[in-house]
C-alpha cells in the first residue's frame, strides 16, 4: 500500500491518539493535499515545525499499528469476509443446480446477510 494511503488508513484507527494539532496537520497534508507552507500559515508555526509534526505523527501511527495491529486485523477480517461471501455464493449456486434444498438456501442467506453486515 502506498504511504499516503497507509497513513490515511492508520489515521482512521489511531488518529484520536494524536494531539489535535498533530491530527490536524496530518489531515491537512494527506486529505486536503495542502503544502507544508500552507499548513504552517494555517497553524501559525514554521514550515519545519509542520514537517516535524507530520513526521512525528507518522512515526506514532506506524508504531501504534506495529504494537496493536488493529488495521492489519481489520484487513484480515475484510478479506476473510469476502472469502465467506464467495463460498456462500458457490454453495448457493451448487444448491440451485444439484437438487435445491430450502434449508441450505436459508442457511446460505443467513451467512450472506451476516457477512455483508460485517463488511459495511
PDB file of N, CA and C in Angstrom:
ATOM      1  N   UNK A   1       0.853  -1.171   0.000  1.00  0.00           N
ATOM      2  CA  UNK A   1       0.000   0.000   0.000  1.00  0.00           C
ATOM      3  C   UNK A   1       0.898   1.234   0.000  1.00  0.00           C
ATOM      4  N   UNK A   2       0.551   2.242  -0.813  1.00  0.00           N
ATOM      5  CA  UNK A   2       1.329   3.476  -0.872  1.00  0.00           C
ATOM      6  C   UNK A   2       1.299   4.163   0.484  1.00  0.00           C
ATOM      7  N   UNK A   3       2.366   4.887   0.778  1.00  0.00           N
ATOM      8  CA  UNK A   3       2.491   5.506   2.099  1.00  0.00           C
ATOM      9  C   UNK A   3       1.322   6.435   2.399  1.00  0.00           C
ATOM     10  N   UNK A   4       0.897   7.237   1.412  1.00  0.00           N
ATOM     11  CA  UNK A   4      -0.218   8.156   1.650  1.00  0.00           C
ATOM     12  C   UNK A   4      -1.477   7.407   2.062  1.00  0.00           C
ATOM     13  N   UNK A   5      -1.763   6.312   1.357  1.00  0.00           N
ATOM     14  CA  UNK A   5      -2.944   5.522   1.687  1.00  0.00           C
ATOM     15  C   UNK A   5      -2.793   4.838   3.040  1.00  0.00           C
ATOM     16  N   UNK A   6      -1.601   4.354   3.307  1.00  0.00           N
ATOM     17  CA  UNK A   6      -1.351   3.668   4.580  1.00  0.00           C
ATOM     18  C   UNK A   6      -1.514   4.632   5.751  1.00  0.00           C
ATOM     19  N   UNK A   7      -0.953   5.832   5.639  1.00  0.00           N
ATOM     20  CA  UNK A   7      -1.084   6.817   6.716  1.00  0.00           C
ATOM     21  C   UNK A   7      -2.549   7.198   6.889  1.00  0.00           C
ATOM     22  N   UNK A   8      -3.263   7.396   5.794  1.00  0.00           N
ATOM     23  CA  UNK A   8      -4.688   7.729   5.871  1.00  0.00           C
ATOM     24  C   UNK A   8      -5.462   6.614   6.573  1.00  0.00           C
ATOM     25  N   UNK A   9      -5.155   5.379   6.220  1.00  0.00           N
ATOM     26  CA  UNK A   9      -5.821   4.218   6.818  1.00  0.00           C
ATOM     27  C   UNK A   9      -5.512   4.147   8.314  1.00  0.00           C
ATOM     28  N   UNK A  10      -4.255   4.320   8.681  1.00  0.00           N
ATOM     29  CA  UNK A  10      -3.871   4.267  10.092  1.00  0.00           C
ATOM     30  C   UNK A  10      -4.479   5.417  10.883  1.00  0.00           C
ATOM     31  N   UNK A  11      -4.637   6.550  10.231  1.00  0.00           N
ATOM     32  CA  UNK A  11      -5.245   7.695  10.895  1.00  0.00           C
ATOM     33  C   UNK A  11      -6.686   7.388  11.300  1.00  0.00           C
ATOM     34  N   UNK A  12      -7.381   6.596  10.485  1.00  0.00           N
ATOM     35  CA  UNK A  12      -8.741   6.184  10.837  1.00  0.00           C
ATOM     36  C   UNK A  12      -8.756   5.365  12.124  1.00  0.00           C
ATOM     37  N   UNK A  13      -7.736   4.560  12.329  1.00  0.00           N
ATOM     38  CA  UNK A  13      -7.684   3.698  13.513  1.00  0.00           C
ATOM     39  C   UNK A  13      -7.101   4.400  14.736  1.00  0.00           C
ATOM     40  N   UNK A  14      -6.067   5.181  14.536  1.00  0.00           N
ATOM     41  CA  UNK A  14      -5.310   5.713  15.669  1.00  0.00           C
ATOM     42  C   UNK A  14      -5.287   7.235  15.750  1.00  0.00           C
ATOM     43  N   UNK A  15      -6.000   7.906  14.881  1.00  0.00           N
ATOM     44  CA  UNK A  15      -5.969   9.374  14.836  1.00  0.00           C
ATOM     45  C   UNK A  15      -6.328  10.037  16.147  1.00  0.00           C
ATOM     46  N   UNK A  16      -7.244   9.442  16.889  1.00  0.00           N
ATOM     47  CA  UNK A  16      -7.660  10.029  18.165  1.00  0.00           C
ATOM     48  C   UNK A  16      -6.547   9.993  19.217  1.00  0.00           C
ATOM     49  N   UNK A  17      -5.511   9.214  18.970  1.00  0.00           N
ATOM     50  CA  UNK A  17      -4.403   9.122  19.923  1.00  0.00           C
ATOM     51  C   UNK A  17      -3.354  10.216  19.685  1.00  0.00           C
ATOM     52  N   UNK A  18      -3.491  10.929  18.580  1.00  0.00           N
ATOM     53  CA  UNK A  18      -2.597  12.047  18.304  1.00  0.00           C
ATOM     54  C   UNK A  18      -3.158  13.302  18.969  1.00  0.00           C
ATOM     55  N   UNK A  19      -2.287  14.290  19.154  1.00  0.00           N
ATOM     56  CA  UNK A  19      -2.798  15.566  19.649  1.00  0.00           C
ATOM     57  C   UNK A  19      -3.645  16.206  18.560  1.00  0.00           C
ATOM     58  N   UNK A  20      -4.447  17.153  18.942  1.00  0.00           N
ATOM     59  CA  UNK A  20      -5.313  17.825  17.969  1.00  0.00           C
ATOM     60  C   UNK A  20      -4.480  18.486  16.865  1.00  0.00           C
ATOM     61  N   UNK A  21      -3.378  19.131  17.238  1.00  0.00           N
ATOM     62  CA  UNK A  21      -2.505  19.795  16.255  1.00  0.00           C
ATOM     63  C   UNK A  21      -1.857  18.782  15.319  1.00  0.00           C
ATOM     64  N   UNK A  22      -1.396  17.668  15.866  1.00  0.00           N
ATOM     65  CA  UNK A  22      -0.786  16.630  15.029  1.00  0.00           C
ATOM     66  C   UNK A  22      -1.805  16.075  14.036  1.00  0.00           C
ATOM     67  N   UNK A  23      -2.974  15.744  14.551  1.00  0.00           N
ATOM     68  CA  UNK A  23      -4.014  15.167  13.698  1.00  0.00           C
ATOM     69  C   UNK A  23      -4.423  16.161  12.606  1.00  0.00           C
ATOM     70  N   UNK A  24      -4.575  17.406  12.983  1.00  0.00           N
ATOM     71  CA  UNK A  24      -4.960  18.434  12.016  1.00  0.00           C
ATOM     72  C   UNK A  24      -3.903  18.578  10.922  1.00  0.00           C
ATOM     73  N   UNK A  25      -2.636  18.607  11.309  1.00  0.00           N
ATOM     74  CA  UNK A  25      -1.556  18.745  10.319  1.00  0.00           C
ATOM     75  C   UNK A  25      -1.546  17.557   9.356  1.00  0.00           C
ATOM     76  N   UNK A  26      -1.686  16.351   9.888  1.00  0.00           N
ATOM     77  CA  UNK A  26      -1.682  15.153   9.041  1.00  0.00           C
ATOM     78  C   UNK A  26      -2.900  15.152   8.119  1.00  0.00           C
ATOM     79  N   UNK A  27      -4.052  15.492   8.651  1.00  0.00           N
ATOM     80  CA  UNK A  27      -5.264  15.522   7.830  1.00  0.00           C
ATOM     81  C   UNK A  27      -5.154  16.565   6.721  1.00  0.00           C
ATOM     82  N   UNK A  28      -4.646  17.746   7.050  1.00  0.00           N
ATOM     83  CA  UNK A  28      -4.487  18.782   6.023  1.00  0.00           C
ATOM     84  C   UNK A  28      -3.487  18.351   4.947  1.00  0.00           C
ATOM     85  N   UNK A  29      -2.440  17.694   5.371  1.00  0.00           N
ATOM     86  CA  UNK A  29      -1.396  17.265   4.442  1.00  0.00           C
ATOM     87  C   UNK A  29      -1.869  16.119   3.547  1.00  0.00           C
ATOM     88  N   UNK A  30      -2.478  15.108   4.150  1.00  0.00           N
ATOM     89  CA  UNK A  30      -2.868  13.918   3.395  1.00  0.00           C
ATOM     90  C   UNK A  30      -4.261  14.004   2.765  1.00  0.00           C
ATOM     91  N   UNK A  31      -5.222  14.574   3.485  1.00  0.00           N
ATOM     92  CA  UNK A  31      -6.593  14.591   2.972  1.00  0.00           C
ATOM     93  C   UNK A  31      -6.891  15.831   2.135  1.00  0.00           C
ATOM     94  N   UNK A  32      -6.358  16.978   2.564  1.00  0.00           N
ATOM     95  CA  UNK A  32      -6.638  18.224   1.853  1.00  0.00           C
ATOM     96  C   UNK A  32      -5.548  18.568   0.843  1.00  0.00           C
ATOM     97  N   UNK A  33      -4.453  17.800   0.861  1.00  0.00           N
ATOM     98  CA  UNK A  33      -3.339  17.983  -0.075  1.00  0.00           C
ATOM     99  C   UNK A  33      -2.738  19.387  -0.004  1.00  0.00           C
ATOM    100  N   UNK A  34      -2.689  19.940   1.213  1.00  0.00           N
ATOM    101  CA  UNK A  34      -2.068  21.245   1.401  1.00  0.00           C
ATOM    102  C   UNK A  34      -0.561  21.078   1.529  1.00  0.00           C
ATOM    103  N   UNK A  35       0.152  22.106   1.119  1.00  0.00           N
ATOM    104  CA  UNK A  35       1.611  22.080   1.237  1.00  0.00           C
ATOM    105  C   UNK A  35       2.005  22.361   2.683  1.00  0.00           C
ATOM    106  N   UNK A  36       3.260  22.084   2.997  1.00  0.00           N
ATOM    107  CA  UNK A  36       3.754  22.369   4.348  1.00  0.00           C
ATOM    108  C   UNK A  36       3.633  23.856   4.653  1.00  0.00           C
ATOM    109  N   UNK A  37       3.920  24.701   3.670  1.00  0.00           N
ATOM    110  CA  UNK A  37       3.816  26.155   3.860  1.00  0.00           C
ATOM    111  C   UNK A  37       2.382  26.580   4.145  1.00  0.00           C
ATOM    112  N   UNK A  38       1.434  26.001   3.415  1.00  0.00           N
ATOM    113  CA  UNK A  38       0.027  26.346   3.639  1.00  0.00           C
ATOM    114  C   UNK A  38      -0.427  25.916   5.021  1.00  0.00           C
ATOM    115  N   UNK A  39      -0.005  24.757   5.449  1.00  0.00           N
ATOM    116  CA  UNK A  39      -0.364  24.274   6.786  1.00  0.00           C
ATOM    117  C   UNK A  39       0.298  25.148   7.847  1.00  0.00           C
ATOM    118  N   UNK A  40       1.547  25.526   7.606  1.00  0.00           N
ATOM    119  CA  UNK A  40       2.272  26.392   8.549  1.00  0.00           C
ATOM    120  C   UNK A  40       1.536  27.715   8.723  1.00  0.00           C
ATOM    121  N   UNK A  41       1.098  28.305   7.621  1.00  0.00           N
ATOM    122  CA  UNK A  41       0.341  29.561   7.697  1.00  0.00           C
ATOM    123  C   UNK A  41      -0.961  29.355   8.473  1.00  0.00           C
ATOM    124  N   UNK A  42      -1.627  28.243   8.217  1.00  0.00           N
ATOM    125  CA  UNK A  42      -2.898  27.918   8.859  1.00  0.00           C
ATOM    126  C   UNK A  42      -2.730  27.719  10.364  1.00  0.00           C
ATOM    127  N   UNK A  43      -1.641  27.053  10.767  1.00  0.00           N
ATOM    128  CA  UNK A  43      -1.442  26.735  12.183  1.00  0.00           C
ATOM    129  C   UNK A  43      -0.572  27.762  12.918  1.00  0.00           C
ATOM    130  N   UNK A  44      -0.023  28.705  12.196  1.00  0.00           N
ATOM    131  CA  UNK A  44       0.787  29.737  12.829  1.00  0.00           C
ATOM    132  C   UNK A  44       2.121  29.228  13.355  1.00  0.00           C
ATOM    133  N   UNK A  45       2.701  28.230  12.665  1.00  0.00           N
ATOM    134  CA  UNK A  45       4.019  27.722  13.035  1.00  0.00           C
ATOM    135  C   UNK A  45       4.889  27.679  11.791  1.00  0.00           C
ATOM    136  N   UNK A  46       6.149  27.322  11.970  1.00  0.00           N
ATOM    137  CA  UNK A  46       7.067  27.289  10.829  1.00  0.00           C
ATOM    138  C   UNK A  46       6.797  26.063   9.947  1.00  0.00           C
ATOM    139  N   UNK A  47       7.279  26.157   8.730  1.00  0.00           N
ATOM    140  CA  UNK A  47       7.171  25.041   7.790  1.00  0.00           C
ATOM    141  C   UNK A  47       7.890  23.815   8.366  1.00  0.00           C
ATOM    142  N   UNK A  48       9.064  24.052   8.977  1.00  0.00           N
ATOM    143  CA  UNK A  48       9.817  22.959   9.589  1.00  0.00           C
ATOM    144  C   UNK A  48       9.050  22.347  10.759  1.00  0.00           C
ATOM    145  N   UNK A  49       8.349  23.182  11.519  1.00  0.00           N
ATOM    146  CA  UNK A  49       7.529  22.686  12.625  1.00  0.00           C
ATOM    147  C   UNK A  49       6.419  21.775  12.127  1.00  0.00           C
ATOM    148  N   UNK A  50       5.816  22.143  10.996  1.00  0.00           N
ATOM    149  CA  UNK A  50       4.770  21.302  10.401  1.00  0.00           C
ATOM    150  C   UNK A  50       5.366  19.982   9.941  1.00  0.00           C
ATOM    151  N   UNK A  51       6.504  20.062   9.256  1.00  0.00           N
ATOM    152  CA  UNK A  51       7.148  18.843   8.770  1.00  0.00           C
ATOM    153  C   UNK A  51       7.484  17.909   9.924  1.00  0.00           C
ATOM    154  N   UNK A  52       8.045  18.475  10.991  1.00  0.00           N
ATOM    155  CA  UNK A  52       8.388  17.667  12.171  1.00  0.00           C
ATOM    156  C   UNK A  52       7.136  17.037  12.797  1.00  0.00           C
ATOM    157  N   UNK A  53       6.055  17.814  12.886  1.00  0.00           N
ATOM    158  CA  UNK A  53       4.815  17.306  13.472  1.00  0.00           C
ATOM    159  C   UNK A  53       4.261  16.160  12.631  1.00  0.00           C
ATOM    160  N   UNK A  54       4.313  16.289  11.308  1.00  0.00           N
ATOM    161  CA  UNK A  54       3.804  15.238  10.425  1.00  0.00           C
ATOM    162  C   UNK A  54       4.672  13.993  10.537  1.00  0.00           C
ATOM    163  N   UNK A  55       5.986  14.164  10.514  1.00  0.00           N
ATOM    164  CA  UNK A  55       6.891  13.010  10.628  1.00  0.00           C
ATOM    165  C   UNK A  55       6.727  12.310  11.971  1.00  0.00           C
ATOM    166  N   UNK A  56       6.592  13.081  13.024  1.00  0.00           N
ATOM    167  CA  UNK A  56       6.398  12.507  14.365  1.00  0.00           C
ATOM    168  C   UNK A  56       5.060  11.749  14.418  1.00  0.00           C
ATOM    169  N   UNK A  57       4.034  12.342  13.824  1.00  0.00           N
ATOM    170  CA  UNK A  57       2.719  11.711  13.798  1.00  0.00           C
ATOM    171  C   UNK A  57       2.740  10.414  13.002  1.00  0.00           C
ATOM    172  N   UNK A  58       3.394  10.440  11.851  1.00  0.00           N
ATOM    173  CA  UNK A  58       3.523   9.220  11.042  1.00  0.00           C
ATOM    174  C   UNK A  58       4.214   8.120  11.843  1.00  0.00           C
ATOM    175  N   UNK A  59       5.299   8.492  12.516  1.00  0.00           N
ATOM    176  CA  UNK A  59       6.037   7.505  13.313  1.00  0.00           C
ATOM    177  C   UNK A  59       5.147   6.927  14.414  1.00  0.00           C
ATOM    178  N   UNK A  60       4.365   7.789  15.060  1.00  0.00           N
ATOM    179  CA  UNK A  60       3.455   7.313  16.108  1.00  0.00           C
ATOM    180  C   UNK A  60       2.393   6.377  15.536  1.00  0.00           C
ATOM    181  N   UNK A  61       1.829   6.722  14.383  1.00  0.00           N
ATOM    182  CA  UNK A  61       0.809   5.884  13.767  1.00  0.00           C
ATOM    183  C   UNK A  61       1.359   4.506  13.418  1.00  0.00           C
ATOM    184  N   UNK A  62       2.542   4.474  12.800  1.00  0.00           N
ATOM    185  CA  UNK A  62       3.142   3.196  12.428  1.00  0.00           C
ATOM    186  C   UNK A  62       3.549   2.393  13.662  1.00  0.00           C
ATOM    187  N   UNK A  63       4.015   3.084  14.701  1.00  0.00           N
ATOM    188  CA  UNK A  63       4.383   2.402  15.941  1.00  0.00           C
ATOM    189  C   UNK A  63       3.153   1.788  16.613  1.00  0.00           C
ATOM    190  N   UNK A  64       2.064   2.534  16.652  1.00  0.00           N
ATOM    191  CA  UNK A  64       0.840   2.004  17.250  1.00  0.00           C
ATOM    192  C   UNK A  64       0.341   0.789  16.471  1.00  0.00           C
ATOM    193  N   UNK A  65       0.427   0.860  15.146  1.00  0.00           N
ATOM    194  CA  UNK A  65      -0.012  -0.292  14.343  1.00  0.00           C
ATOM    195  C   UNK A  65       0.886  -1.490  14.593  1.00  0.00           C
ATOM    196  N   UNK A  66       2.182  -1.252  14.709  1.00  0.00           N
ATOM    197  CA  UNK A  66       3.104  -2.361  14.968  1.00  0.00           C
ATOM    198  C   UNK A  66       2.797  -3.014  16.315  1.00  0.00           C
ATOM    199  N   UNK A  67       2.472  -2.204  17.301  1.00  0.00           N
ATOM    200  CA  UNK A  67       2.195  -2.733  18.635  1.00  0.00           C
ATOM    201  C   UNK A  67       0.807  -3.360  18.748  1.00  0.00           C
ATOM    202  N   UNK A  68      -0.204  -2.709  18.148  1.00  0.00           N
ATOM    203  CA  UNK A  68      -1.589  -3.152  18.338  1.00  0.00           C
ATOM    204  C   UNK A  68      -2.141  -3.977  17.177  1.00  0.00           C
ATOM    205  N   UNK A  69      -1.714  -3.658  15.968  1.00  0.00           N
ATOM    206  CA  UNK A  69      -2.130  -4.429  14.798  1.00  0.00           C
ATOM    207  C   UNK A  69      -3.609  -4.356  14.447  1.00  0.00           C
ATOM    208  N   UNK A  70      -4.291  -3.283  14.839  1.00  0.00           N
ATOM    209  CA  UNK A  70      -5.724  -3.192  14.573  1.00  0.00           C
ATOM    210  C   UNK A  70      -6.032  -3.079  13.082  1.00  0.00           C
ATOM    211  N   UNK A  71      -5.269  -2.289  12.360  1.00  0.00           N
ATOM    212  CA  UNK A  71      -5.513  -2.125  10.929  1.00  0.00           C
ATOM    213  C   UNK A  71      -5.245  -3.434  10.185  1.00  0.00           C
ATOM    214  N   UNK A  72      -4.183  -4.129  10.554  1.00  0.00           N
ATOM    215  CA  UNK A  72      -3.880  -5.418   9.934  1.00  0.00           C
ATOM    216  C   UNK A  72      -5.011  -6.411  10.193  1.00  0.00           C
ATOM    217  N   UNK A  73      -5.462  -6.449  11.417  1.00  0.00           N
ATOM    218  CA  UNK A  73      -6.553  -7.361  11.784  1.00  0.00           C
ATOM    219  C   UNK A  73      -7.830  -7.006  11.028  1.00  0.00           C
ATOM    220  N   UNK A  74      -8.093  -5.723  10.869  1.00  0.00           N
ATOM    221  CA  UNK A  74      -9.274  -5.283  10.126  1.00  0.00           C
ATOM    222  C   UNK A  74      -9.188  -5.758   8.675  1.00  0.00           C
ATOM    223  N   UNK A  75      -8.028  -5.595   8.057  1.00  0.00           N
ATOM    224  CA  UNK A  75      -7.845  -6.053   6.673  1.00  0.00           C
ATOM    225  C   UNK A  75      -8.045  -7.561   6.563  1.00  0.00           C
ATOM    226  N   UNK A  76      -7.503  -8.296   7.523  1.00  0.00           N
ATOM    227  CA  UNK A  76      -7.667  -9.750   7.516  1.00  0.00           C
ATOM    228  C   UNK A  76      -9.137 -10.138   7.637  1.00  0.00           C
ATOM    229  N   UNK A  77      -9.852  -9.441   8.490  1.00  0.00           N
ATOM    230  CA  UNK A  77     -11.269  -9.727   8.651  1.00  0.00           C
ATOM    231  C   UNK A  77     -12.041  -9.402   7.374  1.00  0.00           C
ATOM    232  N   UNK A  78     -11.729  -8.284   6.749  1.00  0.00           N
ATOM    233  CA  UNK A  78     -12.397  -7.925   5.490  1.00  0.00           C
ATOM    234  C   UNK A  78     -12.119  -8.973   4.417  1.00  0.00           C
ATOM    235  N   UNK A  79     -10.876  -9.396   4.312  1.00  0.00           N
ATOM    236  CA  UNK A  79     -10.521 -10.430   3.333  1.00  0.00           C
ATOM    237  C   UNK A  79     -11.250 -11.737   3.639  1.00  0.00           C
ATOM    238  N   UNK A  80     -11.293 -12.117   4.909  1.00  0.00           N
ATOM    239  CA  UNK A  80     -11.983 -13.334   5.318  1.00  0.00           C
ATOM    240  C   UNK A  80     -13.474 -13.276   5.028  1.00  0.00           C
ATOM    241  N   UNK A  81     -14.068 -12.113   5.243  1.00  0.00           N
ATOM    242  CA  UNK A  81     -15.489 -11.966   4.951  1.00  0.00           C
ATOM    243  C   UNK A  81     -15.763 -12.090   3.459  1.00  0.00           C
ATOM    244  N   UNK A  82     -14.855 -11.611   2.637  1.00  0.00           N
ATOM    245  CA  UNK A  82     -15.022 -11.769   1.188  1.00  0.00           C
ATOM    246  C   UNK A  82     -14.937 -13.244   0.796  1.00  0.00           C
ATOM    247  N   UNK A  83     -14.051 -13.991   1.436  1.00  0.00           N
ATOM    248  CA  UNK A  83     -13.958 -15.438   1.180  1.00  0.00           C
ATOM    249  C   UNK A  83     -15.260 -16.122   1.599  1.00  0.00           C
ATOM    250  N   UNK A  84     -15.785 -15.737   2.751  1.00  0.00           N
ATOM    251  CA  UNK A  84     -17.042 -16.312   3.236  1.00  0.00           C
ATOM    252  C   UNK A  84     -18.179 -16.013   2.260  1.00  0.00           C
ATOM    253  N   UNK A  85     -18.269 -14.770   1.787  1.00  0.00           N
ATOM    254  CA  UNK A  85     -19.319 -14.413   0.836  1.00  0.00           C
ATOM    255  C   UNK A  85     -19.191 -15.196  -0.470  1.00  0.00           C
ATOM    256  N   UNK A  86     -17.968 -15.361  -0.949  1.00  0.00           N
ATOM    257  CA  UNK A  86     -17.742 -16.117  -2.188  1.00  0.00           C
ATOM    258  C   UNK A  86     -18.114 -17.588  -2.001  1.00  0.00           C
ATOM    259  N   UNK A  87     -17.740 -18.156  -0.858  1.00  0.00           N
ATOM    260  CA  UNK A  87     -18.069 -19.555  -0.585  1.00  0.00           C
ATOM    261  C   UNK A  87     -19.575 -19.740  -0.452  1.00  0.00           C
ATOM    262  N   UNK A  88     -20.243 -18.801   0.197  1.00  0.00           N
ATOM    263  CA  UNK A  88     -21.695 -18.885   0.343  1.00  0.00           C
ATOM    264  C   UNK A  88     -22.370 -18.825  -1.024  1.00  0.00           C
ATOM    265  N   UNK A  89     -21.853 -17.966  -1.901  1.00  0.00           N
ATOM    266  CA  UNK A  89     -22.415 -17.877  -3.249  1.00  0.00           C
ATOM    267  C   UNK A  89     -22.201 -19.178  -4.014  1.00  0.00           C
ATOM    268  N   UNK A  90     -21.032 -19.773  -3.857  1.00  0.00           N
ATOM    269  CA  UNK A  90     -20.748 -21.050  -4.528  1.00  0.00           C
ATOM    270  C   UNK A  90     -21.679 -22.150  -4.021  1.00  0.00           C
ATOM    271  N   UNK A  91     -21.937 -22.169  -2.722  1.00  0.00           N
ATOM    272  CA  UNK A  91     -22.856 -23.157  -2.149  1.00  0.00           C
ATOM    273  C   UNK A  91     -24.267 -22.935  -2.695  1.00  0.00           C
ATOM    274  N   UNK A  92     -24.665 -21.671  -2.752  1.00  0.00           N
ATOM    275  CA  UNK A  92     -25.997 -21.367  -3.280  1.00  0.00           C
ATOM    276  C   UNK A  92     -26.119 -21.783  -4.751  1.00  0.00           C
ATOM    277  N   UNK A  93     -25.092 -21.517  -5.531  1.00  0.00           N
ATOM    278  CA  UNK A  93     -25.100 -21.925  -6.942  1.00  0.00           C
ATOM    279  C   UNK A  93     -25.181 -23.448  -7.061  1.00  0.00           C
ATOM    280  N   UNK A  94     -24.400 -24.135  -6.266  1.00  0.00           N
ATOM    281  CA  UNK A  94     -24.406 -25.608  -6.276  1.00  0.00           C
ATOM    282  C   UNK A  94     -25.794 -26.129  -5.884  1.00  0.00           C
ATOM    283  N   UNK A  95     -26.348 -25.522  -4.844  1.00  0.00           N
ATOM    284  CA  UNK A  95     -27.681 -25.922  -4.375  1.00  0.00           C
ATOM    285  C   UNK A  95     -28.732 -25.729  -5.474  1.00  0.00           C
ATOM    286  N   UNK A  96     -28.624 -24.665  -6.224  1.00  0.00           N
ATOM    287  CA  UNK A  96     -29.587 -24.396  -7.300  1.00  0.00           C
ATOM    288  C   UNK A  96     -29.462 -25.394  -8.445  1.00  0.00           C
ATOM    289  N   UNK A  97     -28.245 -25.789  -8.733  1.00  0.00           N
ATOM    290  CA  UNK A  97     -28.005 -26.693  -9.870  1.00  0.00           C
ATOM    291  C   UNK A  97     -28.254 -28.161  -9.547  1.00  0.00           C
ATOM    292  N   UNK A  98     -27.956 -28.572  -8.331  1.00  0.00           N
ATOM    293  CA  UNK A  98     -27.968 -30.005  -7.998  1.00  0.00           C
ATOM    294  C   UNK A  98     -28.924 -30.309  -6.843  1.00  0.00           C
ATOM    295  N   UNK A  99     -30.189 -30.232  -7.076  1.00  0.00           N
ATOM    296  CA  UNK A  99     -31.155 -30.629  -6.052  1.00  0.00           C
ATOM    297  C   UNK A  99     -31.368 -29.567  -5.012  1.00  0.00           C
ATOM    298  N   UNK A 100     -32.189 -28.609  -5.309  1.00  0.00           N
ATOM    299  CA  UNK A 100     -32.459 -27.466  -4.438  1.00  0.00           C
ATOM    300  C   UNK A 100     -32.970 -27.899  -3.061  1.00  0.00           C
ATOM    301  N   UNK A 101     -32.381 -27.292  -2.024  1.00  0.00           N
ATOM    302  CA  UNK A 101     -32.817 -27.509  -0.641  1.00  0.00           C
ATOM    303  C   UNK A 101     -33.128 -26.144  -0.039  1.00  0.00           C
ATOM    304  N   UNK A 102     -34.357 -25.972   0.442  1.00  0.00           N
ATOM    305  CA  UNK A 102     -34.725 -24.678   1.043  1.00  0.00           C
ATOM    306  C   UNK A 102     -33.935 -24.429   2.333  1.00  0.00           C
ATOM    307  N   UNK A 103     -33.590 -25.486   3.060  1.00  0.00           N
ATOM    308  CA  UNK A 103     -32.798 -25.335   4.290  1.00  0.00           C
ATOM    309  C   UNK A 103     -31.404 -24.804   3.952  1.00  0.00           C
ATOM    310  N   UNK A 104     -30.776 -25.375   2.932  1.00  0.00           N
ATOM    311  CA  UNK A 104     -29.453 -24.880   2.503  1.00  0.00           C
ATOM    312  C   UNK A 104     -29.578 -23.429   2.044  1.00  0.00           C
ATOM    313  N   UNK A 105     -30.617 -23.145   1.267  1.00  0.00           N
ATOM    314  CA  UNK A 105     -30.837 -21.780   0.778  1.00  0.00           C
ATOM    315  C   UNK A 105     -30.979 -20.794   1.946  1.00  0.00           C
ATOM    316  N   UNK A 106     -31.774 -21.162   2.950  1.00  0.00           N
ATOM    317  CA  UNK A 106     -31.990 -20.284   4.104  1.00  0.00           C
ATOM    318  C   UNK A 106     -30.704 -20.076   4.908  1.00  0.00           C
ATOM    319  N   UNK A 107     -29.930 -21.129   5.086  1.00  0.00           N
ATOM    320  CA  UNK A 107     -28.681 -21.012   5.836  1.00  0.00           C
ATOM    321  C   UNK A 107     -27.662 -20.150   5.087  1.00  0.00           C
ATOM    322  N   UNK A 108     -27.589 -20.349   3.776  1.00  0.00           N
ATOM    323  CA  UNK A 108     -26.678 -19.540   2.955  1.00  0.00           C
ATOM    324  C   UNK A 108     -27.093 -18.071   3.016  1.00  0.00           C
ATOM    325  N   UNK A 109     -28.393 -17.808   2.938  1.00  0.00           N
ATOM    326  CA  UNK A 109     -28.883 -16.426   3.013  1.00  0.00           C
ATOM    327  C   UNK A 109     -28.504 -15.793   4.350  1.00  0.00           C
ATOM    328  N   UNK A 110     -28.607 -16.551   5.435  1.00  0.00           N
ATOM    329  CA  UNK A 110     -28.223 -16.036   6.757  1.00  0.00           C
ATOM    330  C   UNK A 110     -26.729 -15.738   6.816  1.00  0.00           C
ATOM    331  N   UNK A 111     -25.922 -16.621   6.255  1.00  0.00           N
ATOM    332  CA  UNK A 111     -24.470 -16.397   6.224  1.00  0.00           C
ATOM    333  C   UNK A 111     -24.153 -15.131   5.432  1.00  0.00           C
ATOM    334  N   UNK A 112     -24.781 -14.991   4.267  1.00  0.00           N
ATOM    335  CA  UNK A 112     -24.517 -13.837   3.417  1.00  0.00           C
ATOM    336  C   UNK A 112     -24.957 -12.530   4.082  1.00  0.00           C
ATOM    337  N   UNK A 113     -26.112 -12.542   4.727  1.00  0.00           N
ATOM    338  CA  UNK A 113     -26.604 -11.331   5.429  1.00  0.00           C
ATOM    339  C   UNK A 113     -25.642 -10.922   6.540  1.00  0.00           C
ATOM    340  N   UNK A 114     -25.235 -11.895   7.319  1.00  0.00           N
ATOM    341  CA  UNK A 114     -24.326 -11.611   8.435  1.00  0.00           C
ATOM    342  C   UNK A 114     -22.981 -11.098   7.946  1.00  0.00           C
ATOM    343  N   UNK A 115     -22.406 -11.768   6.955  1.00  0.00           N
ATOM    344  CA  UNK A 115     -21.107 -11.346   6.418  1.00  0.00           C
ATOM    345  C   UNK A 115     -21.209  -9.960   5.790  1.00  0.00           C
ATOM    346  N   UNK A 116     -22.308  -9.688   5.085  1.00  0.00           N
ATOM    347  CA  UNK A 116     -22.466  -8.384   4.447  1.00  0.00           C
ATOM    348  C   UNK A 116     -22.581  -7.272   5.489  1.00  0.00           C
ATOM    349  N   UNK A 117     -23.305  -7.527   6.576  1.00  0.00           N
ATOM    350  CA  UNK A 117     -23.398  -6.557   7.675  1.00  0.00           C
ATOM    351  C   UNK A 117     -22.024  -6.229   8.221  1.00  0.00           C
ATOM    352  N   UNK A 118     -21.190  -7.252   8.379  1.00  0.00           N
ATOM    353  CA  UNK A 118     -19.850  -7.043   8.931  1.00  0.00           C
ATOM    354  C   UNK A 118     -18.931  -6.328   7.950  1.00  0.00           C
ATOM    355  N   UNK A 119     -19.229  -6.431   6.663  1.00  0.00           N
ATOM    356  CA  UNK A 119     -18.424  -5.741   5.641  1.00  0.00           C
ATOM    357  C   UNK A 119     -18.732  -4.254   5.583  1.00  0.00           C
ATOM    358  N   UNK A 120     -19.946  -3.878   5.916  1.00  0.00           N
ATOM    359  CA  UNK A 120     -20.370  -2.472   5.791  1.00  0.00           C
ATOM    360  C   UNK A 120     -19.814  -1.585   6.853  1.00  0.00           C
TER     361      UNK A 120
END
